[in-house]
């Protein structure tokens, strides 16, 4: 039995993010106040370029004030299908178009406080057409062998959750190493 929403109050509305304080009646009969971030659906793309080389972004992330390695990703815009968002984000951030895009799985990134659901795609047979990053994006595109990417995860050089989950899923269910 799911919880029942008793009440909600919007306390912040940004360009993409909305913050609510919600009261829920839980399946065990108790009530609970939750701070909930409502965020659109999103996509992450694993671009395999050739012989199991992966395109990885080295991107500056202002909220954490660091450069991190991560896969291309972004928000699904209103009225857009996740596969179309994946195509758009791949081209904007890496400069590559994929002949083939395949959905691998879906995941909730932080279900304890956010509604964001991410759709995970594999992109293959890539053709370079030129990157078109947003003004606020500071990105370097790296071509890295899959085995090195796995070592980077193991050594905590890659510590972005969506990237780790996507790479490990791909290796577990798609690759014979």
N, C-alpha and C. Protein backbone atom coordinates (compact mmCIF):
# COMPACT_ATOMS: atom_id res chain seq x y z
N UNK A 1 0.85 -1.18 0.00
CA UNK A 1 0.00 0.00 0.00
C UNK A 1 0.90 1.24 0.00
N UNK A 2 0.69 2.19 -0.95
CA UNK A 2 1.51 3.39 -0.99
C UNK A 2 1.13 4.38 0.11
N UNK A 3 1.97 5.38 0.30
CA UNK A 3 1.65 6.43 1.26
C UNK A 3 0.57 7.33 0.68
N UNK A 4 -0.06 8.11 1.55
CA UNK A 4 -1.07 9.06 1.13
C UNK A 4 -0.54 10.46 1.41
N UNK A 5 -0.64 11.33 0.42
CA UNK A 5 -0.22 12.71 0.61
C UNK A 5 -1.31 13.44 1.38
N UNK A 6 -0.98 13.91 2.58
CA UNK A 6 -1.93 14.60 3.44
C UNK A 6 -1.95 16.08 3.11
N UNK A 7 -0.77 16.68 2.95
CA UNK A 7 -0.68 18.10 2.62
C UNK A 7 0.66 18.38 1.95
N UNK A 8 0.72 19.50 1.23
CA UNK A 8 1.97 19.92 0.61
C UNK A 8 2.00 21.43 0.55
N UNK A 9 3.22 21.97 0.65
CA UNK A 9 3.42 23.41 0.55
C UNK A 9 4.68 23.67 -0.26
N UNK A 10 4.54 24.41 -1.35
CA UNK A 10 5.71 24.78 -2.15
C UNK A 10 6.46 25.89 -1.40
N UNK A 11 7.76 25.66 -1.15
CA UNK A 11 8.55 26.66 -0.43
C UNK A 11 9.60 27.32 -1.31
N UNK A 12 9.84 26.75 -2.50
CA UNK A 12 10.79 27.36 -3.44
C UNK A 12 10.47 26.89 -4.85
N UNK A 13 10.54 27.84 -5.80
CA UNK A 13 10.34 27.49 -7.20
C UNK A 13 11.47 28.14 -7.99
N UNK A 14 12.33 27.28 -8.58
CA UNK A 14 13.42 27.75 -9.41
C UNK A 14 13.15 27.45 -10.87
N UNK A 15 14.18 27.63 -11.70
CA UNK A 15 14.04 27.37 -13.14
C UNK A 15 13.72 25.91 -13.40
N UNK A 16 14.38 25.00 -12.70
CA UNK A 16 14.14 23.55 -12.87
C UNK A 16 13.66 22.87 -11.60
N UNK A 17 14.07 23.38 -10.48
CA UNK A 17 13.84 22.72 -9.19
C UNK A 17 12.70 23.39 -8.44
N UNK A 18 11.89 22.55 -7.82
CA UNK A 18 10.87 23.03 -6.89
C UNK A 18 11.05 22.27 -5.58
N UNK A 19 10.91 22.99 -4.46
CA UNK A 19 11.04 22.36 -3.15
C UNK A 19 9.71 22.45 -2.43
N UNK A 20 9.25 21.29 -1.95
CA UNK A 20 7.99 21.19 -1.22
C UNK A 20 8.24 20.61 0.16
N UNK A 21 7.41 21.02 1.11
CA UNK A 21 7.30 20.32 2.38
C UNK A 21 6.00 19.55 2.30
N UNK A 22 6.11 18.23 2.42
CA UNK A 22 4.94 17.36 2.27
C UNK A 22 4.72 16.56 3.56
N UNK A 23 3.44 16.37 3.89
CA UNK A 23 3.08 15.47 4.98
C UNK A 23 2.49 14.22 4.35
N UNK A 24 3.03 13.08 4.73
CA UNK A 24 2.58 11.79 4.18
C UNK A 24 2.06 10.90 5.31
N UNK A 25 0.99 10.15 4.99
CA UNK A 25 0.58 9.05 5.85
C UNK A 25 1.24 7.82 5.24
N UNK A 26 2.14 7.22 5.98
CA UNK A 26 2.95 6.11 5.50
C UNK A 26 2.18 4.79 5.54
N UNK A 27 2.67 3.79 4.81
CA UNK A 27 2.00 2.47 4.82
C UNK A 27 1.86 1.85 6.20
N UNK A 28 2.71 2.26 7.16
CA UNK A 28 2.60 1.71 8.53
C UNK A 28 1.63 2.51 9.40
N UNK A 29 0.95 3.51 8.81
CA UNK A 29 -0.05 4.29 9.53
C UNK A 29 0.49 5.57 10.16
N UNK A 30 1.78 5.71 10.26
CA UNK A 30 2.38 6.91 10.85
C UNK A 30 2.38 8.04 9.82
N UNK A 31 2.53 9.28 10.32
CA UNK A 31 2.67 10.42 9.42
C UNK A 31 4.11 10.91 9.47
N UNK A 32 4.53 11.53 8.39
CA UNK A 32 5.91 11.99 8.28
C UNK A 32 5.97 13.27 7.44
N UNK A 33 6.76 14.23 7.89
CA UNK A 33 7.02 15.43 7.10
C UNK A 33 8.28 15.18 6.28
N UNK A 34 8.22 15.50 4.99
CA UNK A 34 9.35 15.30 4.10
C UNK A 34 9.60 16.58 3.31
N UNK A 35 10.87 16.91 3.14
CA UNK A 35 11.27 17.96 2.21
C UNK A 35 11.54 17.26 0.89
N UNK A 36 10.81 17.64 -0.15
CA UNK A 36 10.88 16.93 -1.42
C UNK A 36 11.29 17.89 -2.54
N UNK A 37 12.35 17.52 -3.24
CA UNK A 37 12.78 18.26 -4.42
C UNK A 37 12.08 17.63 -5.61
N UNK A 38 11.28 18.42 -6.32
CA UNK A 38 10.65 17.94 -7.55
C UNK A 38 11.53 18.40 -8.70
N UNK A 39 11.98 17.42 -9.46
CA UNK A 39 12.94 17.67 -10.53
C UNK A 39 12.49 16.88 -11.74
N UNK A 40 12.67 17.41 -12.96
CA UNK A 40 12.23 16.68 -14.16
C UNK A 40 12.98 15.37 -14.35
N UNK A 41 12.46 14.53 -15.22
CA UNK A 41 13.19 13.33 -15.60
C UNK A 41 14.46 13.73 -16.32
N UNK A 42 15.43 12.82 -16.34
CA UNK A 42 16.72 13.12 -16.94
C UNK A 42 17.24 11.91 -17.69
N UNK A 43 18.35 12.11 -18.40
CA UNK A 43 18.99 11.05 -19.16
C UNK A 43 20.48 11.06 -18.90
N UNK A 44 21.08 9.89 -19.04
CA UNK A 44 22.54 9.75 -19.06
C UNK A 44 22.86 8.83 -20.23
N UNK A 45 23.97 9.13 -20.90
CA UNK A 45 24.32 8.40 -22.11
C UNK A 45 25.72 7.82 -21.98
N UNK A 46 25.86 6.54 -22.31
CA UNK A 46 27.16 5.87 -22.37
C UNK A 46 27.58 5.79 -23.83
N UNK A 47 28.46 6.71 -24.29
CA UNK A 47 28.90 6.69 -25.68
C UNK A 47 30.14 5.81 -25.86
N UNK A 48 29.95 4.70 -26.58
CA UNK A 48 31.06 3.80 -26.92
C UNK A 48 31.53 4.21 -28.30
N UNK A 49 32.78 4.66 -28.40
CA UNK A 49 33.22 5.24 -29.66
C UNK A 49 33.88 4.25 -30.60
N UNK A 50 34.81 3.43 -30.11
CA UNK A 50 35.44 2.42 -30.97
C UNK A 50 36.21 1.45 -30.08
N UNK A 51 36.18 0.19 -30.42
CA UNK A 51 36.94 -0.82 -29.66
C UNK A 51 36.82 -0.63 -28.15
N UNK A 52 35.60 -0.36 -27.70
CA UNK A 52 35.30 -0.20 -26.28
C UNK A 52 35.98 1.00 -25.64
N UNK A 53 36.26 2.04 -26.42
CA UNK A 53 36.65 3.32 -25.84
C UNK A 53 35.39 4.10 -25.53
N UNK A 54 35.40 4.79 -24.40
CA UNK A 54 34.24 5.51 -23.90
C UNK A 54 34.52 7.01 -23.99
N UNK A 55 33.51 7.78 -24.37
CA UNK A 55 33.62 9.23 -24.27
C UNK A 55 33.18 9.63 -22.87
N UNK A 56 34.08 10.25 -22.14
CA UNK A 56 33.82 10.70 -20.78
C UNK A 56 34.02 12.21 -20.74
N UNK A 57 33.16 12.90 -20.03
CA UNK A 57 33.32 14.34 -19.86
C UNK A 57 34.17 14.61 -18.61
N UNK A 58 35.05 15.56 -18.73
CA UNK A 58 35.73 16.12 -17.57
C UNK A 58 35.11 17.50 -17.44
N UNK A 59 34.22 17.65 -16.44
CA UNK A 59 33.34 18.81 -16.39
C UNK A 59 33.48 19.52 -15.06
N UNK A 60 33.48 20.84 -15.12
CA UNK A 60 33.50 21.64 -13.89
C UNK A 60 32.08 21.74 -13.36
N UNK A 61 31.90 21.38 -12.09
CA UNK A 61 30.59 21.43 -11.45
C UNK A 61 30.64 22.47 -10.32
N UNK A 62 30.03 23.62 -10.57
CA UNK A 62 30.07 24.73 -9.62
C UNK A 62 29.50 24.38 -8.23
N UNK A 63 28.39 23.61 -8.13
CA UNK A 63 27.87 23.33 -6.79
C UNK A 63 28.87 22.62 -5.87
N UNK A 64 29.75 21.79 -6.43
CA UNK A 64 30.75 21.11 -5.61
C UNK A 64 32.13 21.74 -5.76
N UNK A 65 32.23 22.75 -6.63
CA UNK A 65 33.47 23.51 -6.86
C UNK A 65 34.63 22.61 -7.28
N UNK A 66 34.33 21.64 -8.15
CA UNK A 66 35.33 20.67 -8.58
C UNK A 66 35.13 20.29 -10.04
N UNK A 67 36.21 19.81 -10.64
CA UNK A 67 36.15 19.12 -11.93
C UNK A 67 35.90 17.65 -11.62
N UNK A 68 34.97 17.03 -12.35
CA UNK A 68 34.74 15.60 -12.16
C UNK A 68 34.58 14.93 -13.52
N UNK A 69 34.84 13.62 -13.51
CA UNK A 69 34.59 12.80 -14.69
C UNK A 69 33.16 12.31 -14.62
N UNK A 70 32.45 12.42 -15.74
CA UNK A 70 31.08 11.91 -15.78
C UNK A 70 30.66 11.68 -17.22
N UNK A 71 29.62 10.89 -17.37
CA UNK A 71 29.04 10.65 -18.69
C UNK A 71 28.15 11.83 -19.06
N UNK A 72 27.92 12.04 -20.37
CA UNK A 72 26.99 13.09 -20.77
C UNK A 72 25.60 12.82 -20.22
N UNK A 73 24.93 13.90 -19.80
CA UNK A 73 23.62 13.75 -19.17
C UNK A 73 22.88 15.08 -19.24
N UNK A 74 21.59 15.01 -18.99
CA UNK A 74 20.81 16.24 -18.95
C UNK A 74 19.34 15.98 -18.70
N UNK A 75 18.59 17.06 -18.69
CA UNK A 75 17.17 17.03 -18.36
C UNK A 75 16.33 16.75 -19.60
N UNK A 76 15.26 16.00 -19.41
CA UNK A 76 14.25 15.81 -20.45
C UNK A 76 13.35 17.05 -20.41
N UNK A 77 13.33 17.79 -21.52
CA UNK A 77 12.53 19.01 -21.58
C UNK A 77 11.04 18.67 -21.70
N UNK A 78 10.19 19.64 -21.37
CA UNK A 78 8.73 19.45 -21.47
C UNK A 78 8.35 19.00 -22.88
N UNK A 79 7.58 17.91 -22.97
CA UNK A 79 7.11 17.40 -24.24
C UNK A 79 8.13 16.56 -25.00
N UNK A 80 9.31 16.42 -24.46
CA UNK A 80 10.39 15.68 -25.13
C UNK A 80 10.39 14.23 -24.63
N UNK A 81 10.69 13.29 -25.52
CA UNK A 81 10.84 11.90 -25.13
C UNK A 81 12.27 11.70 -24.61
N UNK A 82 12.46 10.79 -23.65
CA UNK A 82 13.80 10.56 -23.13
C UNK A 82 14.84 10.23 -24.21
N UNK A 83 14.47 9.43 -25.21
CA UNK A 83 15.44 9.09 -26.26
C UNK A 83 15.84 10.32 -27.06
N UNK A 84 14.91 11.25 -27.26
CA UNK A 84 15.24 12.49 -27.97
C UNK A 84 16.14 13.38 -27.11
N UNK A 85 15.90 13.40 -25.81
CA UNK A 85 16.76 14.16 -24.90
C UNK A 85 18.17 13.56 -24.91
N UNK A 86 18.26 12.24 -24.95
CA UNK A 86 19.58 11.58 -24.99
C UNK A 86 20.33 11.97 -26.27
N UNK A 87 19.64 11.96 -27.40
CA UNK A 87 20.27 12.38 -28.67
C UNK A 87 20.79 13.81 -28.57
N UNK A 88 19.94 14.69 -28.07
CA UNK A 88 20.27 16.11 -27.96
C UNK A 88 21.46 16.34 -27.02
N UNK A 89 21.41 15.73 -25.84
CA UNK A 89 22.47 15.93 -24.85
C UNK A 89 23.81 15.37 -25.34
N UNK A 90 23.77 14.21 -25.99
CA UNK A 90 24.99 13.61 -26.51
C UNK A 90 25.67 14.56 -27.49
N UNK A 91 24.89 15.10 -28.42
CA UNK A 91 25.45 16.01 -29.42
C UNK A 91 25.92 17.32 -28.78
N UNK A 92 25.09 17.91 -27.91
CA UNK A 92 25.47 19.18 -27.29
C UNK A 92 26.77 19.06 -26.50
N UNK A 93 26.89 18.01 -25.71
CA UNK A 93 28.02 17.91 -24.79
C UNK A 93 29.26 17.27 -25.37
N UNK A 94 29.11 16.34 -26.30
CA UNK A 94 30.30 15.65 -26.85
C UNK A 94 30.59 16.02 -28.29
N UNK A 95 29.59 16.48 -29.02
CA UNK A 95 29.77 16.77 -30.44
C UNK A 95 29.52 15.56 -31.33
N UNK A 96 29.05 14.45 -30.76
CA UNK A 96 28.82 13.23 -31.53
C UNK A 96 27.33 12.93 -31.66
N UNK A 97 26.96 12.40 -32.83
CA UNK A 97 25.62 11.83 -33.05
C UNK A 97 25.77 10.32 -33.05
N UNK A 98 24.77 9.64 -32.51
CA UNK A 98 24.78 8.18 -32.48
C UNK A 98 23.85 7.62 -33.54
N UNK A 99 24.34 6.67 -34.30
CA UNK A 99 23.46 5.97 -35.24
C UNK A 99 22.50 5.08 -34.45
N UNK A 100 22.97 4.50 -33.35
CA UNK A 100 22.14 3.64 -32.50
C UNK A 100 22.11 4.15 -31.07
N UNK A 101 20.91 4.27 -30.53
CA UNK A 101 20.69 4.59 -29.12
C UNK A 101 19.78 3.51 -28.56
N UNK A 102 20.21 2.90 -27.48
CA UNK A 102 19.43 1.82 -26.87
C UNK A 102 19.25 2.12 -25.38
N UNK A 103 18.00 2.05 -24.93
CA UNK A 103 17.73 2.26 -23.50
C UNK A 103 18.16 1.03 -22.74
N UNK A 104 18.96 1.24 -21.68
CA UNK A 104 19.44 0.13 -20.87
C UNK A 104 18.57 -0.09 -19.62
N UNK A 105 18.28 0.97 -18.89
CA UNK A 105 17.47 0.86 -17.67
C UNK A 105 17.08 2.25 -17.19
N UNK A 106 16.32 2.31 -16.11
CA UNK A 106 15.94 3.56 -15.44
C UNK A 106 16.34 3.46 -13.99
N UNK A 107 16.58 4.62 -13.37
CA UNK A 107 16.92 4.62 -11.95
C UNK A 107 16.48 5.93 -11.30
N UNK A 108 16.19 5.86 -10.01
CA UNK A 108 15.95 7.06 -9.21
C UNK A 108 17.28 7.42 -8.56
N UNK A 109 17.68 8.68 -8.70
CA UNK A 109 19.00 9.08 -8.22
C UNK A 109 19.05 9.25 -6.71
N UNK A 110 18.09 9.94 -6.14
CA UNK A 110 18.06 10.15 -4.69
C UNK A 110 16.61 10.13 -4.20
N UNK A 111 15.99 8.96 -4.16
CA UNK A 111 14.57 8.87 -3.84
C UNK A 111 14.21 9.25 -2.40
N UNK A 112 15.19 9.45 -1.56
CA UNK A 112 14.91 9.89 -0.19
C UNK A 112 14.43 11.33 -0.13
N UNK A 113 14.76 12.13 -1.16
CA UNK A 113 14.31 13.52 -1.14
C UNK A 113 14.01 14.11 -2.52
N UNK A 114 14.20 13.35 -3.59
CA UNK A 114 13.99 13.89 -4.93
C UNK A 114 13.15 12.96 -5.80
N UNK A 115 12.41 13.55 -6.72
CA UNK A 115 11.57 12.77 -7.64
C UNK A 115 12.30 12.42 -8.93
N UNK A 116 13.54 12.87 -9.11
CA UNK A 116 14.24 12.69 -10.38
C UNK A 116 14.41 11.22 -10.75
N UNK A 117 13.90 10.89 -11.94
CA UNK A 117 14.10 9.56 -12.52
C UNK A 117 14.98 9.73 -13.74
N UNK A 118 16.03 8.91 -13.83
CA UNK A 118 16.99 9.00 -14.92
C UNK A 118 16.87 7.80 -15.84
N UNK A 119 16.86 8.07 -17.15
CA UNK A 119 16.81 7.05 -18.19
C UNK A 119 18.24 6.87 -18.71
N UNK A 120 18.70 5.63 -18.79
CA UNK A 120 20.08 5.33 -19.15
C UNK A 120 20.13 4.76 -20.56
N UNK A 121 20.97 5.35 -21.41
CA UNK A 121 21.08 4.94 -22.81
C UNK A 121 22.50 4.57 -23.18
N UNK A 122 22.62 3.62 -24.09
CA UNK A 122 23.88 3.24 -24.72
C UNK A 122 23.88 3.84 -26.11
N UNK A 123 24.97 4.54 -26.47
CA UNK A 123 25.09 5.16 -27.79
C UNK A 123 26.27 4.52 -28.52
N UNK A 124 26.02 4.05 -29.73
CA UNK A 124 27.08 3.42 -30.53
C UNK A 124 27.03 3.94 -31.96
N UNK A 125 28.06 3.58 -32.72
CA UNK A 125 28.24 4.05 -34.09
C UNK A 125 28.13 5.57 -34.14
N UNK A 126 29.13 6.20 -33.53
CA UNK A 126 29.13 7.64 -33.35
C UNK A 126 29.81 8.36 -34.51
N UNK A 127 29.29 9.53 -34.84
CA UNK A 127 29.85 10.38 -35.89
C UNK A 127 30.01 11.78 -35.31
N UNK A 128 31.21 12.35 -35.48
CA UNK A 128 31.46 13.69 -34.94
C UNK A 128 30.79 14.75 -35.81
N UNK A 129 30.00 15.64 -35.17
CA UNK A 129 29.31 16.72 -35.88
C UNK A 129 29.56 18.08 -35.25
N UNK A 130 30.25 18.12 -34.12
CA UNK A 130 30.55 19.39 -33.44
C UNK A 130 29.72 19.59 -32.19
N UNK A 131 30.37 19.95 -31.10
CA UNK A 131 29.69 20.15 -29.81
C UNK A 131 28.99 21.50 -29.76
N UNK A 132 27.94 21.57 -28.95
CA UNK A 132 27.18 22.80 -28.75
C UNK A 132 26.83 22.93 -27.26
N UNK A 133 27.84 23.03 -26.39
CA UNK A 133 27.53 23.09 -24.95
C UNK A 133 26.77 24.37 -24.59
N UNK A 134 26.02 24.28 -23.50
CA UNK A 134 25.33 25.45 -22.96
C UNK A 134 26.39 26.43 -22.46
N UNK A 135 26.03 27.70 -22.34
CA UNK A 135 26.97 28.72 -21.89
C UNK A 135 27.57 28.42 -20.52
N UNK A 136 26.78 27.79 -19.65
CA UNK A 136 27.23 27.52 -18.29
C UNK A 136 28.04 26.21 -18.17
N UNK A 137 28.17 25.46 -19.26
CA UNK A 137 28.90 24.19 -19.22
C UNK A 137 30.37 24.39 -19.56
N UNK A 138 31.23 23.89 -18.69
CA UNK A 138 32.68 23.92 -18.93
C UNK A 138 33.10 22.45 -19.01
N UNK A 139 33.37 21.99 -20.25
CA UNK A 139 33.53 20.56 -20.52
C UNK A 139 34.75 20.29 -21.37
N UNK A 140 35.49 19.25 -20.99
CA UNK A 140 36.51 18.66 -21.86
C UNK A 140 36.06 17.23 -22.14
N UNK A 141 36.04 16.84 -23.42
CA UNK A 141 35.63 15.48 -23.79
C UNK A 141 36.87 14.62 -23.88
N UNK A 142 36.86 13.48 -23.18
CA UNK A 142 37.99 12.55 -23.16
C UNK A 142 37.57 11.22 -23.76
N UNK A 143 38.47 10.62 -24.53
CA UNK A 143 38.27 9.26 -25.05
C UNK A 143 39.14 8.34 -24.20
N UNK A 144 38.50 7.43 -23.45
CA UNK A 144 39.21 6.61 -22.47
C UNK A 144 38.83 5.15 -22.66
N UNK A 145 39.81 4.25 -22.70
CA UNK A 145 39.49 2.82 -22.81
C UNK A 145 38.64 2.36 -21.62
N UNK A 146 37.70 1.46 -21.89
CA UNK A 146 36.79 0.98 -20.86
C UNK A 146 37.54 0.41 -19.66
N UNK A 147 38.61 -0.36 -19.88
CA UNK A 147 39.37 -0.91 -18.75
C UNK A 147 39.94 0.19 -17.86
N UNK A 148 40.39 1.30 -18.47
CA UNK A 148 40.91 2.42 -17.68
C UNK A 148 39.78 3.09 -16.91
N UNK A 149 38.59 3.21 -17.54
CA UNK A 149 37.44 3.79 -16.85
C UNK A 149 37.11 2.97 -15.60
N UNK A 150 37.17 1.64 -15.73
CA UNK A 150 36.91 0.77 -14.57
C UNK A 150 37.96 1.00 -13.48
N UNK A 151 39.21 1.15 -13.86
CA UNK A 151 40.27 1.44 -12.88
C UNK A 151 40.03 2.80 -12.22
N UNK A 152 39.55 3.76 -12.99
CA UNK A 152 39.26 5.08 -12.43
C UNK A 152 38.12 5.02 -11.41
N UNK A 153 37.13 4.15 -11.66
CA UNK A 153 36.06 3.95 -10.67
C UNK A 153 36.64 3.32 -9.42
N UNK A 154 37.44 2.28 -9.60
CA UNK A 154 38.03 1.58 -8.46
C UNK A 154 38.92 2.51 -7.62
N UNK A 155 39.63 3.42 -8.28
CA UNK A 155 40.54 4.34 -7.58
C UNK A 155 39.86 5.62 -7.12
N UNK A 156 38.54 5.70 -7.26
CA UNK A 156 37.75 6.86 -6.85
C UNK A 156 38.10 8.13 -7.64
N UNK A 157 38.66 7.97 -8.84
CA UNK A 157 38.84 9.11 -9.73
C UNK A 157 37.52 9.47 -10.38
N UNK A 158 36.67 8.49 -10.59
CA UNK A 158 35.30 8.71 -11.03
C UNK A 158 34.43 8.44 -9.81
N UNK A 159 33.74 9.48 -9.34
CA UNK A 159 32.89 9.30 -8.16
C UNK A 159 31.48 9.87 -8.37
N UNK A 160 31.10 10.00 -9.63
CA UNK A 160 29.75 10.43 -10.00
C UNK A 160 28.85 9.19 -10.05
N UNK A 161 27.77 9.20 -9.27
CA UNK A 161 26.93 8.00 -9.11
C UNK A 161 26.31 7.52 -10.42
N UNK A 162 25.78 8.42 -11.23
CA UNK A 162 25.14 7.99 -12.48
C UNK A 162 26.14 7.35 -13.42
N UNK A 163 27.36 7.87 -13.42
CA UNK A 163 28.42 7.33 -14.27
C UNK A 163 28.84 5.95 -13.79
N UNK A 164 29.04 5.81 -12.50
CA UNK A 164 29.43 4.51 -11.93
C UNK A 164 28.35 3.46 -12.19
N UNK A 165 27.09 3.80 -11.91
CA UNK A 165 26.00 2.83 -12.11
C UNK A 165 25.89 2.41 -13.57
N UNK A 166 26.01 3.37 -14.48
CA UNK A 166 25.88 3.08 -15.90
C UNK A 166 27.02 2.21 -16.40
N UNK A 167 28.24 2.56 -16.06
CA UNK A 167 29.41 1.79 -16.50
C UNK A 167 29.36 0.36 -15.95
N UNK A 168 29.08 0.23 -14.65
CA UNK A 168 29.06 -1.11 -14.05
C UNK A 168 27.92 -1.96 -14.60
N UNK A 169 26.78 -1.36 -14.86
CA UNK A 169 25.68 -2.10 -15.50
C UNK A 169 26.12 -2.59 -16.86
N UNK A 170 26.71 -1.72 -17.65
CA UNK A 170 27.16 -2.08 -19.00
C UNK A 170 28.17 -3.23 -18.96
N UNK A 171 29.12 -3.14 -18.05
CA UNK A 171 30.15 -4.18 -17.95
C UNK A 171 29.54 -5.50 -17.48
N UNK A 172 28.65 -5.44 -16.52
CA UNK A 172 28.03 -6.66 -15.96
C UNK A 172 27.14 -7.36 -16.98
N UNK A 173 26.34 -6.60 -17.72
CA UNK A 173 25.31 -7.21 -18.56
C UNK A 173 25.58 -7.16 -20.06
N UNK A 174 26.60 -6.42 -20.50
CA UNK A 174 26.79 -6.26 -21.93
C UNK A 174 28.18 -6.63 -22.45
N UNK A 175 29.18 -6.68 -21.60
CA UNK A 175 30.56 -6.82 -22.06
C UNK A 175 31.18 -8.11 -21.53
N UNK A 176 31.95 -8.74 -22.37
CA UNK A 176 32.74 -9.89 -21.95
C UNK A 176 34.20 -9.41 -21.81
N UNK A 177 34.62 -9.11 -20.60
CA UNK A 177 36.00 -8.63 -20.38
C UNK A 177 36.95 -9.77 -20.19
